PDB file of N, CA and C in Angstrom:
ATOM      1  N   MET A   1       1.677   8.395  -0.793  1.00  0.00           N
ATOM      2  CA  MET A   1       2.065   8.124   0.085  1.00  0.00           C
ATOM      3  C   MET A   1       1.017   7.059   1.008  1.00  0.00           C
ATOM      4  N   ALA A   2       1.407   6.265   1.442  1.00  0.00           N
ATOM      5  CA  ALA A   2       0.646   5.222   2.496  1.00  0.00           C
ATOM      6  C   ALA A   2       0.594   5.584   4.048  1.00  0.00           C
ATOM      7  N   TYR A   3      -0.479   5.079   4.307  1.00  0.00           N
ATOM      8  CA  TYR A   3      -0.771   5.284   5.548  1.00  0.00           C
ATOM      9  C   TYR A   3      -0.174   4.376   6.726  1.00  0.00           C
ATOM     10  N   LYS A   4       0.142   4.674   7.639  1.00  0.00           N
ATOM     11  CA  LYS A   4       0.424   3.960   8.628  1.00  0.00           C
ATOM     12  C   LYS A   4      -0.105   4.005  10.184  1.00  0.00           C
ATOM     13  N   ILE A   5      -0.270   2.988  10.827  1.00  0.00           N
ATOM     14  CA  ILE A   5      -1.025   2.590  12.433  1.00  0.00           C
ATOM     15  C   ILE A   5       0.116   2.737  13.244  1.00  0.00           C
ATOM     16  N   SER A   6       0.296   3.704  14.166  1.00  0.00           N
ATOM     17  CA  SER A   6       0.870   4.106  15.298  1.00  0.00           C
ATOM     18  C   SER A   6       0.922   2.976  16.378  1.00  0.00           C
ATOM     19  N   ASP A   7       1.448   2.681  17.398  1.00  0.00           N
ATOM     20  CA  ASP A   7       1.375   2.087  18.563  1.00  0.00           C
ATOM     21  C   ASP A   7       0.307   2.630  19.381  1.00  0.00           C
ATOM     22  N   SER A   8      -0.456   3.652  19.095  1.00  0.00           N
ATOM     23  CA  SER A   8      -1.463   3.961  19.927  1.00  0.00           C
ATOM     24  C   SER A   8      -2.721   3.514  19.637  1.00  0.00           C
ATOM     25  N   CYS A   9      -2.567   2.606  18.768  1.00  0.00           N
ATOM     26  CA  CYS A   9      -3.962   1.863  18.133  1.00  0.00           C
ATOM     27  C   CYS A   9      -4.256   0.907  19.416  1.00  0.00           C
ATOM     28  N   VAL A  10      -5.234   0.692  19.361  1.00  0.00           N
ATOM     29  CA  VAL A  10      -6.183  -0.054  20.460  1.00  0.00           C
ATOM     30  C   VAL A  10      -6.855  -1.417  19.560  1.00  0.00           C
ATOM     31  N   ASN A  11      -6.557  -1.267  18.798  1.00  0.00           N
ATOM     32  CA  ASN A  11      -7.036  -2.812  17.675  1.00  0.00           C
ATOM     33  C   ASN A  11      -8.486  -3.162  17.588  1.00  0.00           C
ATOM     34  N   CYS A  12      -9.043  -2.017  17.734  1.00  0.00           N
ATOM     35  CA  CYS A  12     -10.882  -1.906  17.740  1.00  0.00           C
ATOM     36  C   CYS A  12     -11.081  -2.555  16.299  1.00  0.00           C
ATOM     37  N   GLY A  13     -10.246  -2.198  15.367  1.00  0.00           N
ATOM     38  CA  GLY A  13     -10.897  -2.555  14.136  1.00  0.00           C
ATOM     39  C   GLY A  13     -11.986  -1.693  13.291  1.00  0.00           C
ATOM     40  N   ALA A  14     -11.818  -0.713  13.669  1.00  0.00           N
ATOM     41  CA  ALA A  14     -12.946   0.357  12.835  1.00  0.00           C
ATOM     42  C   ALA A  14     -12.342   0.877  11.822  1.00  0.00           C
ATOM     43  N   CYS A  15     -11.136   0.849  11.204  1.00  0.00           N
ATOM     44  CA  CYS A  15     -10.279   1.000  10.364  1.00  0.00           C
ATOM     45  C   CYS A  15     -10.564   0.289   9.291  1.00  0.00           C
ATOM     46  N   GLU A  16     -10.713  -1.249   9.515  1.00  0.00           N
ATOM     47  CA  GLU A  16     -10.511  -2.079   8.575  1.00  0.00           C
ATOM     48  C   GLU A  16     -11.724  -2.274   7.664  1.00  0.00           C
ATOM     49  N   GLY A  17     -13.009  -2.141   8.204  1.00  0.00           N
ATOM     50  CA  GLY A  17     -14.179  -2.264   7.640  1.00  0.00           C
ATOM     51  C   GLY A  17     -14.213  -0.878   6.458  1.00  0.00           C
ATOM     52  N   GLU A  18     -13.591   0.299   6.921  1.00  0.00           N
ATOM     53  CA  GLU A  18     -14.007   1.444   6.390  1.00  0.00           C
ATOM     54  C   GLU A  18     -12.816   1.572   4.873  1.00  0.00           C
ATOM     55  N   CYS A  19     -11.882   0.625   5.218  1.00  0.00           N
ATOM     56  CA  CYS A  19     -10.643   0.768   3.861  1.00  0.00           C
ATOM     57  C   CYS A  19     -11.359   0.040   2.541  1.00  0.00           C
ATOM     58  N   PRO A  20     -11.584   0.924   1.401  1.00  0.00           N
ATOM     59  CA  PRO A  20     -12.321   0.691   0.552  1.00  0.00           C
ATOM     60  C   PRO A  20     -11.320  -0.462  -0.568  1.00  0.00           C
ATOM     61  N   VAL A  21      -9.955  -0.845  -0.165  1.00  0.00           N
ATOM     62  CA  VAL A  21      -9.368  -1.330  -1.033  1.00  0.00           C
ATOM     63  C   VAL A  21      -8.975  -2.667  -0.157  1.00  0.00           C
ATOM     64  N   GLY A  22      -9.614  -2.997   1.140  1.00  0.00           N
ATOM     65  CA  GLY A  22      -9.242  -3.878   2.054  1.00  0.00           C
ATOM     66  C   GLY A  22      -7.753  -4.079   2.299  1.00  0.00           C
ATOM     67  N   ALA A  23      -7.072  -2.753   2.623  1.00  0.00           N
ATOM     68  CA  ALA A  23      -5.536  -2.716   2.544  1.00  0.00           C
ATOM     69  C   ALA A  23      -5.223  -2.897   4.285  1.00  0.00           C
ATOM     70  N   ILE A  24      -6.111  -3.436   4.991  1.00  0.00           N
ATOM     71  CA  ILE A  24      -5.929  -3.423   6.539  1.00  0.00           C
ATOM     72  C   ILE A  24      -6.403  -4.760   7.220  1.00  0.00           C
ATOM     73  N   SER A  25      -5.533  -5.484   8.013  1.00  0.00           N
ATOM     74  CA  SER A  25      -5.870  -6.582   8.414  1.00  0.00           C
ATOM     75  C   SER A  25      -5.325  -6.598   9.898  1.00  0.00           C
ATOM     76  N   GLU A  26      -5.802  -7.625  10.485  1.00  0.00           N
ATOM     77  CA  GLU A  26      -4.957  -7.906  11.983  1.00  0.00           C
ATOM     78  C   GLU A  26      -3.895  -8.808  11.666  1.00  0.00           C
ATOM     79  N   GLN A  27      -2.704  -8.664  12.121  1.00  0.00           N
ATOM     80  CA  GLN A  27      -1.595  -9.611  12.385  1.00  0.00           C
ATOM     81  C   GLN A  27      -1.130  -8.943  13.658  1.00  0.00           C
ATOM     82  N   ASN A  28      -0.711 -10.366  14.316  1.00  0.00           N
ATOM     83  CA  ASN A  28       0.192 -10.334  15.612  1.00  0.00           C
ATOM     84  C   ASN A  28      -0.561  -9.504  16.760  1.00  0.00           C
ATOM     85  N   GLY A  29      -1.874  -9.597  16.459  1.00  0.00           N
ATOM     86  CA  GLY A  29      -2.695  -8.814  17.592  1.00  0.00           C
ATOM     87  C   GLY A  29      -2.892  -7.426  17.368  1.00  0.00           C
ATOM     88  N   LYS A  30      -2.259  -7.167  16.394  1.00  0.00           N
ATOM     89  CA  LYS A  30      -2.496  -5.034  16.011  1.00  0.00           C
ATOM     90  C   LYS A  30      -3.094  -5.211  14.256  1.00  0.00           C
ATOM     91  N   ARG A  31      -3.536  -4.390  13.983  1.00  0.00           N
ATOM     92  CA  ARG A  31      -4.209  -3.821  12.681  1.00  0.00           C
ATOM     93  C   ARG A  31      -2.717  -3.257  11.958  1.00  0.00           C
ATOM     94  N   GLU A  32      -2.532  -3.890  10.750  1.00  0.00           N
ATOM     95  CA  GLU A  32      -1.541  -3.073   9.754  1.00  0.00           C
ATOM     96  C   GLU A  32      -2.142  -3.113   8.597  1.00  0.00           C
ATOM     97  N   ILE A  33      -1.506  -1.899   7.931  1.00  0.00           N
ATOM     98  CA  ILE A  33      -1.755  -1.363   6.508  1.00  0.00           C
ATOM     99  C   ILE A  33      -0.764  -2.266   5.616  1.00  0.00           C
ATOM    100  N   ASP A  34      -1.333  -2.453   4.779  1.00  0.00           N
ATOM    101  CA  ASP A  34      -0.630  -3.128   3.616  1.00  0.00           C
ATOM    102  C   ASP A  34       0.081  -2.136   2.573  1.00  0.00           C
ATOM    103  N   SER A  35       1.178  -1.338   2.867  1.00  0.00           N
ATOM    104  CA  SER A  35       1.476  -0.315   2.234  1.00  0.00           C
ATOM    105  C   SER A  35       1.318  -0.184   0.547  1.00  0.00           C
ATOM    106  N   SER A  36       1.417  -1.464   0.084  1.00  0.00           N
ATOM    107  CA  SER A  36       1.634  -1.616  -1.648  1.00  0.00           C
ATOM    108  C   SER A  36       0.052  -1.702  -1.850  1.00  0.00           C
ATOM    109  N   ALA A  37      -0.742  -1.890  -1.120  1.00  0.00           N
ATOM    110  CA  ALA A  37      -2.352  -1.898  -1.557  1.00  0.00           C
ATOM    111  C   ALA A  37      -2.844  -0.831  -1.312  1.00  0.00           C
ATOM    112  N   CYS A  38      -2.190   0.126  -0.240  1.00  0.00           N
ATOM    113  CA  CYS A  38      -3.064   1.342   0.490  1.00  0.00           C
ATOM    114  C   CYS A  38      -2.950   2.473  -0.849  1.00  0.00           C
ATOM    115  N   VAL A  39      -4.371   3.052  -0.673  1.00  0.00           N
ATOM    116  CA  VAL A  39      -4.456   4.196  -2.030  1.00  0.00           C
ATOM    117  C   VAL A  39      -4.358   5.396  -1.518  1.00  0.00           C
ATOM    118  N   SER A  40      -3.772   5.697   0.001  1.00  0.00           N
ATOM    119  CA  SER A  40      -3.766   7.023   0.194  1.00  0.00           C
ATOM    120  C   SER A  40      -5.080   7.859   0.363  1.00  0.00           C
ATOM    121  N   CYS A  41      -6.371   7.291   0.692  1.00  0.00           N
ATOM    122  CA  CYS A  41      -7.618   8.099   0.401  1.00  0.00           C
ATOM    123  C   CYS A  41      -7.765   8.671   2.179  1.00  0.00           C
ATOM    124  N   GLY A  42      -7.431   8.099   3.306  1.00  0.00           N
ATOM    125  CA  GLY A  42      -7.254   8.722   4.166  1.00  0.00           C
ATOM    126  C   GLY A  42      -8.869   8.107   4.867  1.00  0.00           C
ATOM    127  N   THR A  43      -9.334   7.551   4.534  1.00  0.00           N
ATOM    128  CA  THR A  43     -10.640   6.896   4.899  1.00  0.00           C
ATOM    129  C   THR A  43     -10.419   5.962   6.483  1.00  0.00           C
ATOM    130  N   CYS A  44      -9.421   5.533   6.622  1.00  0.00           N
ATOM    131  CA  CYS A  44      -9.042   4.968   7.759  1.00  0.00           C
ATOM    132  C   CYS A  44      -8.186   5.898   9.099  1.00  0.00           C
ATOM    133  N   ALA A  45      -8.174   6.829   8.605  1.00  0.00           N
ATOM    134  CA  ALA A  45      -7.426   7.776   9.451  1.00  0.00           C
ATOM    135  C   ALA A  45      -8.950   8.255  10.306  1.00  0.00           C
ATOM    136  N   ALA A  46      -9.736   8.812   9.071  1.00  0.00           N
ATOM    137  CA  ALA A  46     -10.818   9.560   9.737  1.00  0.00           C
ATOM    138  C   ALA A  46     -11.812   8.462  10.703  1.00  0.00           C
ATOM    139  N   ALA A  47     -11.576   7.342  10.210  1.00  0.00           N
ATOM    140  CA  ALA A  47     -12.758   6.200  11.382  1.00  0.00           C
ATOM    141  C   ALA A  47     -12.009   5.901  12.515  1.00  0.00           C
ATOM    142  N   CYS A  48     -10.531   6.294  12.904  1.00  0.00           N
ATOM    143  CA  CYS A  48      -9.760   5.592  13.858  1.00  0.00           C
ATOM    144  C   CYS A  48     -10.203   6.730  14.916  1.00  0.00           C
ATOM    145  N   PRO A  49     -10.648   5.860  15.992  1.00  0.00           N
ATOM    146  CA  PRO A  49     -11.275   6.636  17.190  1.00  0.00           C
ATOM    147  C   PRO A  49     -10.133   7.106  18.237  1.00  0.00           C
ATOM    148  N   THR A  50      -8.713   6.680  17.827  1.00  0.00           N
ATOM    149  CA  THR A  50      -7.475   6.862  19.025  1.00  0.00           C
ATOM    150  C   THR A  50      -6.529   7.845  17.848  1.00  0.00           C
ATOM    151  N   GLU A  51      -6.775   8.194  16.485  1.00  0.00           N
ATOM    152  CA  GLU A  51      -6.005   8.848  15.925  1.00  0.00           C
ATOM    153  C   GLU A  51      -4.796   8.113  15.497  1.00  0.00           C
ATOM    154  N   ALA A  52      -4.727   7.037  15.584  1.00  0.00           N
ATOM    155  CA  ALA A  52      -3.669   6.319  15.605  1.00  0.00           C
ATOM    156  C   ALA A  52      -2.990   6.076  13.699  1.00  0.00           C
ATOM    157  N   ILE A  53      -3.916   6.732  13.043  1.00  0.00           N
ATOM    158  CA  ILE A  53      -2.853   6.386  11.697  1.00  0.00           C
ATOM    159  C   ILE A  53      -3.027   7.782  11.172  1.00  0.00           C
ATOM    160  N   ALA A  54      -2.045   7.651  10.541  1.00  0.00           N
ATOM    161  CA  ALA A  54      -1.298   9.025   9.805  1.00  0.00           C
ATOM    162  C   ALA A  54      -0.528   8.521   8.568  1.00  0.00           C
ATOM    163  N   GLU A  55      -0.281   9.682   7.623  1.00  0.00           N
ATOM    164  CA  GLU A  55       0.393   9.455   6.416  1.00  0.00           C
ATOM    165  C   GLU A  55       1.742   9.217   6.933  1.00  0.00           C
ATOM    166  N   GLU A  56       2.578   8.133   6.062  1.00  0.00           N
ATOM    167  CA  GLU A  56       3.929   8.117   6.267  1.00  0.00           C
ATOM    168  C   GLU A  56       4.989   9.251   5.927  1.00  0.00           C
TER     169      GLU A  56
END
């Protein structure tokens, strides 16, 4: 099950550098997770200072 970034994301980018498969990118002024590339490791959620990332 892939992870998803909620509206509480402040676009700080902390998650993007932590993703081991490069599934996170900035699009339209916010971070998004490519669900087809996500390996559901949870590293991004642990790195998020606003707890904006959770499993779908």
